[in-house]
Amino acid sequence: MESKEQLMNYLQEIEKWEEDQKGLFFWEKLGRLPFKLLDKITPKFIQEKLGILVSELGNYIQTGGKYLINKKSMIKKIQESTLYPIESIEDIGSMPLENMISLGERLQNERMKLATVQGASTGIGGIFTLVVDIPVILGIALKTLQEIAIIHGYDPNEKQERVFIVKCLQFASADIVGKEAILKELSQINEKRDSSESMISQLKGWQEVFFTYRDQFGWKKLFQMVPIAGMIFGAFSNKAMIEDVSQAGIMLYRKRRIYEKLQSLEEQENSIFE
C-alpha cells in the first residue's frame, strides 16, 4: 500500500486539476449560449433526439437501462493487464494507485480514438447521419465512466455509483459555478458523510440538470450538420467530449479512492497505538 505522503501527493495533483477547471475556454463559453437562441436554429428532429438523451439518462440513473456493461469481462481485462490477483471489484480497490492511473490513461486514449472515428463517420452525411451520433456518443461516455469506476474498485451496477457516474458526466459539461457545486456535493462522499439515499435525493431535479447538459451538447451538433465538413467537426467534438468526460471520471474516482486509502491508513495507525 502507498504511504500517506504518496497519497497526499496524488491528492495535490487532483486538487490542482480541480483548480484548472475554473477556467473556461472559447468553445466552452460559446456553449453557454441561451438555449432559446439554439431553439430557433436547431432542427426539430435534433431537439427531439436531445430530449430522448435526457430521458435515457434518467432511465440510466434508475435502472441502468441499456447502458450497463459486463463487469466480468472488465475484471478479467484488468487482471490480465496488471497481473494483480483479482477475483472481484473489491479486490481492484486494493491495487496500487499507480496501476489505476496506468489503466485509466490507457482506457482514455482508447475511448478518445473510438469517439474520433465515430464522430467522423457520422459527420460525413451531415444532418442525415447526425441522428445516429447522439445516442452512440452518450453510450460511449457512460460505458467509459463505468469502466473507470471498475478500474478504481467501484461497482457501476449499484445505484449510488450510477448517480456518481452521472455527476461525473454533468461535471464535464458544467460551467464554473456548476463544477464548484458538484465538487462540494462529491466531497460529502469522500468524507463519508453521504448515503446512497441522500445522493439520489440530490438528483431530484435531474431533468433541469440535463437540460443544461443538453444546451452544451446541442450546439456542437449544429456544426456537424454540414456534410463533409461535419466529419471534421464531428471527429473533433466527440473526441473532446470523451476526453473531458473520461478525465473528469478518472480524477473524481481517483480522489475518492485516495480518501478511502488514507482512511484505511489512519485506522491502521490507530489500531497500532491502541
C-alpha atoms as a PDB file:
ATOM      1  CA  MET A   1       0.000   0.000   0.000  1.00  0.00           C
ATOM      2  CA  GLU A   2       1.138   3.557  -0.713  1.00  0.00           C
ATOM      3  CA  SER A   3       2.475   5.726   2.088  1.00  0.00           C
ATOM      4  CA  LYS A   4       0.470   8.664   3.415  1.00  0.00           C
ATOM      5  CA  GLU A   5       2.941  11.030   1.761  1.00  0.00           C
ATOM      6  CA  GLN A   6       2.463   9.391  -1.649  1.00  0.00           C
ATOM      7  CA  LEU A   7      -1.316   9.557  -1.329  1.00  0.00           C
ATOM      8  CA  MET A   8      -1.174  13.230  -0.360  1.00  0.00           C
ATOM      9  CA  ASN A   9       0.978  13.948  -3.426  1.00  0.00           C
ATOM     10  CA  TYR A  10      -1.603  12.261  -5.653  1.00  0.00           C
ATOM     11  CA  LEU A  11      -4.322  14.273  -3.932  1.00  0.00           C
ATOM     12  CA  GLN A  12      -2.475  17.546  -4.582  1.00  0.00           C
ATOM     13  CA  GLU A  13      -2.333  16.723  -8.303  1.00  0.00           C
ATOM     14  CA  ILE A  14      -6.098  16.248  -8.346  1.00  0.00           C
ATOM     15  CA  GLU A  15      -6.700  19.476  -6.433  1.00  0.00           C
ATOM     16  CA  LYS A  16      -4.549  21.317  -8.983  1.00  0.00           C
ATOM     17  CA  TRP A  17      -6.669  19.809 -11.771  1.00  0.00           C
ATOM     18  CA  GLU A  18      -9.833  20.941  -9.980  1.00  0.00           C
ATOM     19  CA  GLU A  19      -8.424  24.467  -9.792  1.00  0.00           C
ATOM     20  CA  ASP A  20      -7.655  24.397 -13.521  1.00  0.00           C
ATOM     21  CA  GLN A  21     -11.307  23.540 -14.234  1.00  0.00           C
ATOM     22  CA  LYS A  22     -12.312  27.031 -13.170  1.00  0.00           C
ATOM     23  CA  GLY A  23     -11.096  28.467 -16.471  1.00  0.00           C
ATOM     24  CA  LEU A  24     -13.457  28.421 -19.437  1.00  0.00           C
ATOM     25  CA  PHE A  25     -12.073  28.155 -22.952  1.00  0.00           C
ATOM     26  CA  PHE A  26     -13.596  29.781 -26.019  1.00  0.00           C
ATOM     27  CA  TRP A  27     -15.608  26.734 -27.090  1.00  0.00           C
ATOM     28  CA  GLU A  28     -16.975  26.293 -23.566  1.00  0.00           C
ATOM     29  CA  LYS A  29     -18.032  29.937 -23.425  1.00  0.00           C
ATOM     30  CA  LEU A  30     -19.747  29.536 -26.771  1.00  0.00           C
ATOM     31  CA  GLY A  31     -21.547  26.549 -25.312  1.00  0.00           C
ATOM     32  CA  ARG A  32     -23.230  28.755 -22.739  1.00  0.00           C
ATOM     33  CA  LEU A  33     -25.420  30.406 -25.379  1.00  0.00           C
ATOM     34  CA  PRO A  34     -29.029  30.605 -24.183  1.00  0.00           C
ATOM     35  CA  PHE A  35     -30.918  27.563 -25.391  1.00  0.00           C
ATOM     36  CA  LYS A  36     -33.776  29.785 -26.557  1.00  0.00           C
ATOM     37  CA  LEU A  37     -31.425  31.014 -29.277  1.00  0.00           C
ATOM     38  CA  LEU A  38     -30.480  27.447 -30.140  1.00  0.00           C
ATOM     39  CA  ASP A  39     -34.173  26.519 -30.318  1.00  0.00           C
ATOM     40  CA  LYS A  40     -34.589  28.922 -33.223  1.00  0.00           C
ATOM     41  CA  ILE A  41     -31.768  27.429 -35.312  1.00  0.00           C
ATOM     42  CA  THR A  42     -31.815  23.771 -34.240  1.00  0.00           C
ATOM     43  CA  PRO A  43     -33.987  21.467 -36.393  1.00  0.00           C
ATOM     44  CA  LYS A  44     -36.896  19.899 -34.546  1.00  0.00           C
ATOM     45  CA  PHE A  45     -35.676  16.323 -35.012  1.00  0.00           C
ATOM     46  CA  ILE A  46     -32.362  17.158 -33.291  1.00  0.00           C
ATOM     47  CA  GLN A  47     -34.236  18.740 -30.389  1.00  0.00           C
ATOM     48  CA  GLU A  48     -36.301  15.546 -30.133  1.00  0.00           C
ATOM     49  CA  LYS A  49     -33.154  13.404 -30.125  1.00  0.00           C
ATOM     50  CA  LEU A  50     -31.618  15.538 -27.400  1.00  0.00           C
ATOM     51  CA  GLY A  51     -34.853  15.191 -25.440  1.00  0.00           C
ATOM     52  CA  ILE A  52     -34.541  11.396 -25.727  1.00  0.00           C
ATOM     53  CA  LEU A  53     -30.964  11.708 -24.450  1.00  0.00           C
ATOM     54  CA  VAL A  54     -32.235  13.428 -21.311  1.00  0.00           C
ATOM     55  CA  SER A  55     -34.843  10.709 -20.830  1.00  0.00           C
ATOM     56  CA  GLU A  56     -32.279   7.945 -21.302  1.00  0.00           C
ATOM     57  CA  LEU A  57     -30.038   9.478 -18.644  1.00  0.00           C
ATOM     58  CA  GLY A  58     -32.983   9.353 -16.241  1.00  0.00           C
ATOM     59  CA  ASN A  59     -33.540   5.664 -17.043  1.00  0.00           C
ATOM     60  CA  TYR A  60     -29.837   5.004 -16.526  1.00  0.00           C
ATOM     61  CA  ILE A  61     -29.966   6.505 -13.026  1.00  0.00           C
ATOM     62  CA  GLN A  62     -32.965   4.394 -12.055  1.00  0.00           C
ATOM     63  CA  THR A  63     -32.172   1.005 -13.611  1.00  0.00           C
ATOM     64  CA  GLY A  64     -29.002   1.259 -15.693  1.00  0.00           C
ATOM     65  CA  GLY A  65     -31.173   0.871 -18.796  1.00  0.00           C
ATOM     66  CA  LYS A  66     -29.370  -0.455 -21.837  1.00  0.00           C
ATOM     67  CA  TYR A  67     -26.025   1.025 -20.842  1.00  0.00           C
ATOM     68  CA  LEU A  68     -24.840  -1.402 -18.141  1.00  0.00           C
ATOM     69  CA  ILE A  69     -21.533  -3.056 -19.061  1.00  0.00           C
ATOM     70  CA  ASN A  70     -20.182  -6.564 -18.500  1.00  0.00           C
ATOM     71  CA  LYS A  71     -18.308  -6.401 -15.200  1.00  0.00           C
ATOM     72  CA  LYS A  72     -16.724  -9.840 -15.504  1.00  0.00           C
ATOM     73  CA  SER A  73     -15.009  -9.101 -18.814  1.00  0.00           C
ATOM     74  CA  MET A  74     -13.663  -5.802 -17.437  1.00  0.00           C
ATOM     75  CA  ILE A  75     -12.325  -7.514 -14.288  1.00  0.00           C
ATOM     76  CA  LYS A  76     -10.629 -10.148 -16.448  1.00  0.00           C
ATOM     77  CA  LYS A  77      -9.091  -7.441 -18.630  1.00  0.00           C
ATOM     78  CA  ILE A  78      -7.687  -5.636 -15.577  1.00  0.00           C
ATOM     79  CA  GLN A  79      -6.289  -8.879 -14.188  1.00  0.00           C
ATOM     80  CA  GLU A  80      -4.513  -9.660 -17.455  1.00  0.00           C
ATOM     81  CA  SER A  81      -3.122  -6.114 -17.722  1.00  0.00           C
ATOM     82  CA  THR A  82      -1.813  -5.829 -14.168  1.00  0.00           C
ATOM     83  CA  LEU A  83      -1.169  -9.487 -13.206  1.00  0.00           C
ATOM     84  CA  TYR A  84      -2.701  -8.479  -9.863  1.00  0.00           C
ATOM     85  CA  PRO A  85      -4.637 -11.245  -8.003  1.00  0.00           C
ATOM     86  CA  ILE A  86      -8.219 -10.117  -8.682  1.00  0.00           C
ATOM     87  CA  GLU A  87     -11.416 -12.046  -8.125  1.00  0.00           C
ATOM     88  CA  SER A  88     -13.862  -9.214  -7.519  1.00  0.00           C
ATOM     89  CA  ILE A  89     -14.292  -5.452  -7.906  1.00  0.00           C
ATOM     90  CA  GLU A  90     -13.438  -5.079  -4.209  1.00  0.00           C
ATOM     91  CA  ASP A  91     -10.015  -6.621  -4.907  1.00  0.00           C
ATOM     92  CA  ILE A  92      -9.363  -3.944  -7.536  1.00  0.00           C
ATOM     93  CA  GLY A  93      -9.780  -1.268  -4.869  1.00  0.00           C
ATOM     94  CA  SER A  94      -6.712  -2.603  -3.057  1.00  0.00           C
ATOM     95  CA  MET A  95      -4.459  -2.237  -6.119  1.00  0.00           C
ATOM     96  CA  PRO A  96      -1.734   0.430  -6.031  1.00  0.00           C
ATOM     97  CA  LEU A  97      -2.868   3.797  -7.432  1.00  0.00           C
ATOM     98  CA  GLU A  98      -0.075   3.557  -9.977  1.00  0.00           C
ATOM     99  CA  ASN A  99      -1.910   0.648 -11.628  1.00  0.00           C
ATOM    100  CA  MET A 100      -5.198   2.549 -11.600  1.00  0.00           C
ATOM    101  CA  ILE A 101      -3.542   5.584 -13.185  1.00  0.00           C
ATOM    102  CA  SER A 102      -1.962   3.466 -15.936  1.00  0.00           C
ATOM    103  CA  LEU A 103      -5.237   1.663 -16.680  1.00  0.00           C
ATOM    104  CA  GLY A 104      -7.170   4.936 -16.686  1.00  0.00           C
ATOM    105  CA  GLU A 105      -4.807   6.625 -19.153  1.00  0.00           C
ATOM    106  CA  ARG A 106      -4.894   3.627 -21.487  1.00  0.00           C
ATOM    107  CA  LEU A 107      -8.695   3.493 -21.371  1.00  0.00           C
ATOM    108  CA  GLN A 108      -8.982   7.238 -22.015  1.00  0.00           C
ATOM    109  CA  ASN A 109      -6.754   7.026 -25.106  1.00  0.00           C
ATOM    110  CA  GLU A 110      -8.711   4.055 -26.471  1.00  0.00           C
ATOM    111  CA  ARG A 111     -12.077   5.749 -25.976  1.00  0.00           C
ATOM    112  CA  MET A 112     -10.872   9.033 -27.484  1.00  0.00           C
ATOM    113  CA  LYS A 113      -9.760   7.194 -30.635  1.00  0.00           C
ATOM    114  CA  LEU A 114     -13.124   5.420 -30.800  1.00  0.00           C
ATOM    115  CA  ALA A 115     -15.037   8.695 -30.384  1.00  0.00           C
ATOM    116  CA  THR A 116     -12.915  10.376 -33.084  1.00  0.00           C
ATOM    117  CA  VAL A 117     -13.669   7.657 -35.617  1.00  0.00           C
ATOM    118  CA  GLN A 118     -17.321   7.547 -34.626  1.00  0.00           C
ATOM    119  CA  GLY A 119     -17.726  11.343 -34.865  1.00  0.00           C
ATOM    120  CA  ALA A 120     -16.030  11.448 -38.260  1.00  0.00           C
ATOM    121  CA  SER A 121     -18.109   8.599 -39.677  1.00  0.00           C
ATOM    122  CA  THR A 122     -21.434  10.071 -38.558  1.00  0.00           C
ATOM    123  CA  GLY A 123     -20.350  13.564 -39.659  1.00  0.00           C
ATOM    124  CA  ILE A 124     -19.856  12.570 -43.304  1.00  0.00           C
ATOM    125  CA  GLY A 125     -23.561  12.704 -44.076  1.00  0.00           C
ATOM    126  CA  GLY A 126     -24.198  15.857 -42.087  1.00  0.00           C
ATOM    127  CA  ILE A 127     -27.803  16.190 -40.980  1.00  0.00           C
ATOM    128  CA  PHE A 128     -28.729  12.713 -42.275  1.00  0.00           C
ATOM    129  CA  THR A 129     -26.315  10.770 -40.087  1.00  0.00           C
ATOM    130  CA  LEU A 130     -26.399  13.081 -37.072  1.00  0.00           C
ATOM    131  CA  VAL A 131     -29.351  11.230 -35.519  1.00  0.00           C
ATOM    132  CA  VAL A 132     -27.120   8.163 -35.160  1.00  0.00           C
ATOM    133  CA  ASP A 133     -24.326  10.096 -33.469  1.00  0.00           C
ATOM    134  CA  ILE A 134     -26.234  11.453 -30.462  1.00  0.00           C
ATOM    135  CA  PRO A 135     -27.226   8.167 -28.735  1.00  0.00           C
ATOM    136  CA  VAL A 136     -23.944   6.483 -29.679  1.00  0.00           C
ATOM    137  CA  ILE A 137     -21.704   9.148 -28.147  1.00  0.00           C
ATOM    138  CA  LEU A 138     -23.824   9.061 -24.972  1.00  0.00           C
ATOM    139  CA  GLY A 139     -23.319   5.296 -24.851  1.00  0.00           C
ATOM    140  CA  ILE A 140     -19.547   5.670 -25.241  1.00  0.00           C
ATOM    141  CA  ALA A 141     -19.450   8.271 -22.446  1.00  0.00           C
ATOM    142  CA  LEU A 142     -21.450   6.145 -19.996  1.00  0.00           C
ATOM    143  CA  LYS A 143     -19.529   2.974 -20.814  1.00  0.00           C
ATOM    144  CA  THR A 144     -16.217   4.792 -20.346  1.00  0.00           C
ATOM    145  CA  LEU A 145     -17.273   6.127 -16.941  1.00  0.00           C
ATOM    146  CA  GLN A 146     -18.455   2.691 -15.833  1.00  0.00           C
ATOM    147  CA  GLU A 147     -15.105   1.192 -16.814  1.00  0.00           C
ATOM    148  CA  ILE A 148     -13.330   3.965 -14.915  1.00  0.00           C
ATOM    149  CA  ALA A 149     -15.449   3.121 -11.864  1.00  0.00           C
ATOM    150  CA  ILE A 150     -14.362  -0.541 -12.045  1.00  0.00           C
ATOM    151  CA  ILE A 151     -10.703   0.440 -12.546  1.00  0.00           C
ATOM    152  CA  HIS A 152     -10.898   2.247  -9.198  1.00  0.00           C
ATOM    153  CA  GLY A 153     -12.713  -0.608  -7.436  1.00  0.00           C
ATOM    154  CA  TYR A 154     -16.348   0.554  -7.545  1.00  0.00           C
ATOM    155  CA  ASP A 155     -19.345  -1.396  -8.863  1.00  0.00           C
ATOM    156  CA  PRO A 156     -21.128   0.670 -11.570  1.00  0.00           C
ATOM    157  CA  ASN A 157     -24.244  -1.513 -11.287  1.00  0.00           C
ATOM    158  CA  GLU A 158     -25.015  -0.078  -7.857  1.00  0.00           C
ATOM    159  CA  LYS A 159     -27.444   2.821  -7.929  1.00  0.00           C
ATOM    160  CA  GLN A 160     -25.181   5.091  -5.908  1.00  0.00           C
ATOM    161  CA  GLU A 161     -22.418   4.565  -8.471  1.00  0.00           C
ATOM    162  CA  ARG A 162     -24.773   5.320 -11.343  1.00  0.00           C
ATOM    163  CA  VAL A 163     -25.589   8.621  -9.640  1.00  0.00           C
ATOM    164  CA  PHE A 164     -21.867   9.301  -9.155  1.00  0.00           C
ATOM    165  CA  ILE A 165     -21.213   8.490 -12.832  1.00  0.00           C
ATOM    166  CA  VAL A 166     -23.911  10.915 -13.936  1.00  0.00           C
ATOM    167  CA  LYS A 167     -22.364  13.536 -11.651  1.00  0.00           C
ATOM    168  CA  CYS A 168     -19.054  12.984 -13.482  1.00  0.00           C
ATOM    169  CA  LEU A 169     -20.873  13.401 -16.804  1.00  0.00           C
ATOM    170  CA  GLN A 170     -22.521  16.553 -15.505  1.00  0.00           C
ATOM    171  CA  PHE A 171     -19.207  17.916 -14.204  1.00  0.00           C
ATOM    172  CA  ALA A 172     -17.556  17.557 -17.623  1.00  0.00           C
ATOM    173  CA  SER A 173     -20.101  19.885 -19.253  1.00  0.00           C
ATOM    174  CA  ALA A 174     -20.860  22.240 -16.340  1.00  0.00           C
ATOM    175  CA  ASP A 175     -19.842  25.885 -16.077  1.00  0.00           C
ATOM    176  CA  ILE A 176     -17.626  27.197 -13.266  1.00  0.00           C
ATOM    177  CA  VAL A 177     -20.486  27.562 -10.778  1.00  0.00           C
ATOM    178  CA  GLY A 178     -21.782  24.105 -11.646  1.00  0.00           C
ATOM    179  CA  LYS A 179     -18.369  22.489 -11.265  1.00  0.00           C
ATOM    180  CA  GLU A 180     -17.888  24.024  -7.824  1.00  0.00           C
ATOM    181  CA  ALA A 181     -21.336  22.854  -6.708  1.00  0.00           C
ATOM    182  CA  ILE A 182     -20.673  19.306  -7.907  1.00  0.00           C
ATOM    183  CA  LEU A 183     -17.274  19.160  -6.208  1.00  0.00           C
ATOM    184  CA  LYS A 184     -18.931  20.267  -2.968  1.00  0.00           C
ATOM    185  CA  GLU A 185     -21.553  17.530  -3.278  1.00  0.00           C
ATOM    186  CA  LEU A 186     -18.977  14.848  -4.061  1.00  0.00           C
ATOM    187  CA  SER A 187     -16.776  15.938  -1.152  1.00  0.00           C
ATOM    188  CA  GLN A 188     -19.505  14.612   1.132  1.00  0.00           C
ATOM    189  CA  ILE A 189     -18.888  11.151  -0.286  1.00  0.00           C
ATOM    190  CA  ASN A 190     -15.143  11.480   0.203  1.00  0.00           C
ATOM    191  CA  GLU A 191     -15.694  12.433   3.827  1.00  0.00           C
ATOM    192  CA  LYS A 192     -18.144   9.540   4.315  1.00  0.00           C
ATOM    193  CA  ARG A 193     -20.952  11.913   5.247  1.00  0.00           C
ATOM    194  CA  ASP A 194     -23.320  10.857   2.488  1.00  0.00           C
ATOM    195  CA  SER A 195     -25.521   7.822   1.991  1.00  0.00           C
ATOM    196  CA  SER A 196     -26.945   6.308  -1.171  1.00  0.00           C
ATOM    197  CA  GLU A 197     -30.377   7.776  -0.382  1.00  0.00           C
ATOM    198  CA  SER A 198     -29.123  11.345   0.044  1.00  0.00           C
ATOM    199  CA  MET A 199     -27.003  11.090  -3.116  1.00  0.00           C
ATOM    200  CA  ILE A 200     -30.095  10.103  -5.080  1.00  0.00           C
ATOM    201  CA  SER A 201     -32.144  12.883  -3.484  1.00  0.00           C
ATOM    202  CA  GLN A 202     -29.588  15.373  -4.828  1.00  0.00           C
ATOM    203  CA  LEU A 203     -30.758  14.434  -8.319  1.00  0.00           C
ATOM    204  CA  LYS A 204     -34.466  15.066  -7.752  1.00  0.00           C
ATOM    205  CA  GLY A 205     -34.189  17.945 -10.173  1.00  0.00           C
ATOM    206  CA  TRP A 206     -32.124  15.945 -12.650  1.00  0.00           C
ATOM    207  CA  GLN A 207     -34.312  16.997 -15.593  1.00  0.00           C
ATOM    208  CA  GLU A 208     -33.192  20.591 -15.104  1.00  0.00           C
ATOM    209  CA  VAL A 209     -29.600  19.444 -14.729  1.00  0.00           C
ATOM    210  CA  PHE A 210     -29.685  17.647 -18.041  1.00  0.00           C
ATOM    211  CA  PHE A 211     -31.433  20.386 -19.913  1.00  0.00           C
ATOM    212  CA  THR A 212     -28.285  22.333 -19.083  1.00  0.00           C
ATOM    213  CA  TYR A 213     -26.284  19.361 -20.351  1.00  0.00           C
ATOM    214  CA  ARG A 214     -28.457  19.377 -23.473  1.00  0.00           C
ATOM    215  CA  ASP A 215     -27.634  23.047 -24.072  1.00  0.00           C
ATOM    216  CA  GLN A 216     -23.920  22.370 -24.020  1.00  0.00           C
ATOM    217  CA  PHE A 217     -24.226  19.195 -26.078  1.00  0.00           C
ATOM    218  CA  GLY A 218     -26.675  20.588 -28.622  1.00  0.00           C
ATOM    219  CA  TRP A 219     -24.709  23.477 -30.079  1.00  0.00           C
ATOM    220  CA  LYS A 220     -21.834  21.189 -31.020  1.00  0.00           C
ATOM    221  CA  LYS A 221     -24.184  19.074 -33.105  1.00  0.00           C
ATOM    222  CA  LEU A 222     -25.207  22.114 -35.149  1.00  0.00           C
ATOM    223  CA  PHE A 223     -21.743  22.334 -36.714  1.00  0.00           C
ATOM    224  CA  GLN A 224     -21.898  18.643 -37.505  1.00  0.00           C
ATOM    225  CA  MET A 225     -24.931  19.118 -39.770  1.00  0.00           C
ATOM    226  CA  VAL A 226     -22.844  20.293 -42.724  1.00  0.00           C
ATOM    227  CA  PRO A 227     -21.927  17.330 -44.979  1.00  0.00           C
ATOM    228  CA  ILE A 228     -18.193  16.521 -45.265  1.00  0.00           C
ATOM    229  CA  ALA A 229     -17.226  19.495 -43.067  1.00  0.00           C
ATOM    230  CA  GLY A 230     -19.294  17.826 -40.364  1.00  0.00           C
ATOM    231  CA  MET A 231     -16.860  14.927 -40.498  1.00  0.00           C
ATOM    232  CA  ILE A 232     -14.021  17.135 -39.235  1.00  0.00           C
ATOM    233  CA  PHE A 233     -16.078  18.860 -36.577  1.00  0.00           C
ATOM    234  CA  GLY A 234     -17.746  15.593 -35.548  1.00  0.00           C
ATOM    235  CA  ALA A 235     -14.373  13.946 -35.004  1.00  0.00           C
ATOM    236  CA  PHE A 236     -13.095  16.950 -33.056  1.00  0.00           C
ATOM    237  CA  SER A 237     -16.172  17.497 -30.869  1.00  0.00           C
ATOM    238  CA  ASN A 238     -16.689  13.836 -29.993  1.00  0.00           C
ATOM    239  CA  LYS A 239     -13.012  13.346 -29.185  1.00  0.00           C
ATOM    240  CA  ALA A 240     -13.046  16.453 -26.987  1.00  0.00           C
ATOM    241  CA  MET A 241     -16.225  15.351 -25.227  1.00  0.00           C
ATOM    242  CA  ILE A 242     -14.903  11.890 -24.342  1.00  0.00           C
ATOM    243  CA  GLU A 243     -11.573  13.388 -23.283  1.00  0.00           C
ATOM    244  CA  ASP A 244     -13.360  15.754 -20.878  1.00  0.00           C
ATOM    245  CA  VAL A 245     -15.742  13.076 -19.587  1.00  0.00           C
ATOM    246  CA  SER A 246     -13.041  10.453 -19.031  1.00  0.00           C
ATOM    247  CA  GLN A 247     -10.699  12.972 -17.401  1.00  0.00           C
ATOM    248  CA  ALA A 248     -13.441  14.050 -15.000  1.00  0.00           C
ATOM    249  CA  GLY A 249     -14.266  10.433 -14.175  1.00  0.00           C
ATOM    250  CA  ILE A 250     -10.621   9.477 -13.633  1.00  0.00           C
ATOM    251  CA  MET A 251      -9.875  12.428 -11.369  1.00  0.00           C
ATOM    252  CA  LEU A 252     -13.073  12.259  -9.312  1.00  0.00           C
ATOM    253  CA  TYR A 253     -12.898   8.495  -8.832  1.00  0.00           C
ATOM    254  CA  ARG A 254      -9.175   8.667  -8.062  1.00  0.00           C
ATOM    255  CA  LYS A 255      -9.807  11.330  -5.431  1.00  0.00           C
ATOM    256  CA  ARG A 256     -12.460   9.139  -3.863  1.00  0.00           C
ATOM    257  CA  ARG A 257     -10.126   6.129  -3.781  1.00  0.00           C
ATOM    258  CA  ILE A 258      -7.311   8.211  -2.266  1.00  0.00           C
ATOM    259  CA  TYR A 259      -9.585   9.314   0.573  1.00  0.00           C
ATOM    260  CA  GLU A 260     -10.516   5.693   1.269  1.00  0.00           C
ATOM    261  CA  LYS A 261      -6.867   4.626   1.264  1.00  0.00           C
ATOM    262  CA  LEU A 262      -5.998   7.488   3.635  1.00  0.00           C
ATOM    263  CA  GLN A 263      -8.826   6.442   5.924  1.00  0.00           C
ATOM    264  CA  SER A 264      -7.540   2.855   5.881  1.00  0.00           C
ATOM    265  CA  LEU A 265      -4.035   4.048   6.810  1.00  0.00           C
ATOM    266  CA  GLU A 266      -5.444   6.131   9.642  1.00  0.00           C
ATOM    267  CA  GLU A 267      -7.382   3.145  11.006  1.00  0.00           C
ATOM    268  CA  GLN A 268      -4.226   1.008  10.875  1.00  0.00           C
ATOM    269  CA  GLU A 269      -2.259   3.675  12.744  1.00  0.00           C
ATOM    270  CA  ASN A 270      -4.959   3.946  15.409  1.00  0.00           C
ATOM    271  CA  SER A 271      -5.070   0.184  15.892  1.00  0.00           C
ATOM    272  CA  ILE A 272      -1.293   0.125  16.461  1.00  0.00           C
ATOM    273  CA  PHE A 273      -1.459   2.740  19.217  1.00  0.00           C
ATOM    274  CA  GLU A 274      -4.448   1.175  20.947  1.00  0.00           C
END
